Protein backbone atom coordinates (compact mmCIF):
# COMPACT_ATOMS: atom_id res chain seq x y z
CA GLN A 1 51.57 85.20 139.08
CA VAL A 2 54.40 83.19 138.25
CA ARG A 3 57.49 83.93 137.46
CA PHE A 4 61.31 82.56 136.76
CA VAL A 5 64.20 84.58 135.95
CA GLU A 6 67.06 82.14 134.39
CA SER A 7 70.51 82.90 134.60
CA GLY A 8 73.81 81.50 133.64
CA GLY A 9 74.05 80.67 130.54
CA GLY A 10 77.26 82.05 128.31
CA PHE A 11 80.19 81.30 125.50
CA VAL A 12 82.17 78.10 126.74
CA GLN A 13 84.14 75.80 124.38
CA PRO A 14 83.24 72.32 123.80
CA GLY A 15 84.08 70.18 127.05
CA GLY A 16 83.52 73.67 129.30
CA SER A 17 81.23 73.66 132.06
CA LEU A 18 77.97 76.32 132.78
CA ARG A 19 75.28 75.64 135.72
CA LEU A 20 71.97 77.36 134.84
CA SER A 21 69.81 78.69 137.80
CA CYS A 22 66.67 79.63 137.61
CA VAL A 23 64.59 81.77 140.59
CA ALA A 24 60.93 81.07 140.70
CA SER A 25 58.09 83.31 142.45
CA GLY A 26 54.29 83.43 141.89
CA PHE A 27 53.84 79.87 143.19
CA THR A 28 54.50 76.98 145.85
CA PHE A 29 58.10 75.98 144.30
CA SER A 30 58.02 72.25 146.51
CA GLU A 31 54.73 71.41 145.22
CA TYR A 32 55.57 71.33 140.94
CA ASP A 33 58.23 69.36 139.34
CA MET A 34 60.65 71.65 137.62
CA ASN A 35 61.73 71.47 134.16
CA TRP A 36 64.32 72.13 131.89
CA TYR A 37 63.92 73.05 128.46
CA ARG A 38 66.49 74.19 125.32
CA GLN A 39 65.46 75.25 121.66
CA THR A 40 67.54 75.61 118.56
CA PRO A 41 66.74 76.86 115.50
CA GLY A 42 64.74 74.93 113.45
CA ARG A 43 63.77 72.93 115.96
CA GLU A 44 61.23 72.00 118.64
CA ARG A 45 61.43 72.90 122.48
CA GLU A 46 63.08 69.85 123.40
CA LEU A 47 63.17 69.09 127.38
CA VAL A 48 66.25 68.33 128.95
CA ALA A 49 65.85 67.06 132.36
CA SER A 50 63.12 67.58 135.35
CA SER A 51 63.63 67.98 138.69
CA THR A 52 60.45 65.88 140.39
CA VAL A 53 58.73 66.23 143.50
CA ARG A 54 58.27 62.47 143.34
CA SER A 55 60.24 60.20 141.34
CA GLY A 56 63.55 62.16 141.51
CA PRO A 57 65.92 63.71 138.32
CA LYS A 58 64.76 62.81 135.08
CA TYR A 59 67.24 63.36 131.44
CA VAL A 60 66.83 62.92 127.87
CA ASP A 61 69.39 60.63 127.06
CA SER A 62 71.60 63.22 124.83
CA VAL A 63 72.26 65.17 128.29
CA LYS A 64 72.67 61.50 130.77
CA GLY A 65 75.98 62.00 132.46
CA ARG A 66 76.73 65.06 131.64
CA PHE A 67 74.21 67.08 132.94
CA THR A 68 72.59 67.19 136.52
CA ILE A 69 69.41 69.31 137.95
CA SER A 70 69.11 70.35 141.12
CA ARG A 71 66.55 72.10 143.64
CA ASP A 72 66.69 74.59 146.56
CA ASN A 73 63.05 74.69 147.64
CA ALA A 74 64.46 77.21 150.63
CA LYS A 75 65.86 79.65 147.70
CA ASN A 76 63.11 78.78 145.38
CA THR A 77 65.76 78.08 142.47
CA ALA A 78 66.39 75.46 140.27
CA TYR A 79 69.73 74.63 138.99
CA LEU A 80 71.01 73.14 135.90
CA GLN A 81 74.95 71.62 135.96
CA MET A 82 75.62 71.30 132.16
CA ASN A 83 79.51 69.76 132.04
CA ASP A 84 81.14 68.04 129.16
CA LEU A 85 79.07 70.49 127.07
CA LYS A 86 78.98 69.61 123.33
CA PRO A 87 77.93 72.04 120.31
CA GLU A 88 74.75 70.17 120.06
CA ASP A 89 73.97 71.50 123.44
CA THR A 90 73.82 75.13 122.24
CA GLY A 91 70.41 76.68 122.14
CA VAL A 92 68.24 78.83 124.80
CA TYR A 93 67.67 77.40 128.28
CA TYR A 94 64.34 78.15 129.43
CA CYS A 95 62.80 76.97 132.79
CA ASN A 96 59.23 75.42 133.25
CA ILE A 97 56.51 74.36 134.96
CA TYR A 98 53.22 73.27 133.99
CA SER A 99 50.28 73.66 136.13
CA ALA A 100 47.42 70.70 136.19
CA SER A 101 44.69 73.02 138.07
CA ASN A 102 44.46 75.07 135.52
CA SER A 103 46.15 73.52 132.23
CA ARG A 104 49.14 76.27 131.87
CA ALA A 105 52.66 75.88 131.33
CA TYR A 106 54.43 78.89 132.02
CA TRP A 107 58.43 79.85 131.00
CA GLY A 108 60.88 82.11 132.24
CA GLN A 109 62.45 84.30 129.19
CA GLY A 110 65.40 81.69 128.74
CA THR A 111 69.17 82.18 128.73
CA GLN A 112 71.42 81.51 125.68
CA VAL A 113 73.83 78.64 125.67
CA THR A 114 76.76 78.28 122.79
CA VAL A 115 78.93 76.05 122.24
CA SER A 116 81.75 76.85 120.01
CA SER A 117 85.66 76.08 119.49
C-alpha cells in the first residue's frame, strides 16, 4: 500500500533552516507529482510546493525564493529544503500524492515545524 515516512521537522528560530524528507513506498515514485502541504491550526491544509513530473517544481508565492523542493527517484524520496524560515511557516508538513486512477489522495503522518524566537 502507499506509505510515506516524513522526517526533519523541529524547532528553529526565525531565519533558520530545516530540511524535510519524505520516503515513499507502495507506488511507482517516478511517475507521480510529489507534493508538500502544511497545516496550521484554524486553517485549511495548504499546498506549499510540488515536484511535478512534467513541469518541474512549483511553489506557493509565500515560500518562493526560500524553499526548494527536490526528489531522488532512485531513493523514492522527496525533500523540502526550507531556508529563511518565518514564524508563519509554522505548521505540520505533510507529503502527498494524488492518484488519478482511483481518485484518491494519499498522505503521510506529518512532521511538525515550529519557527519561533
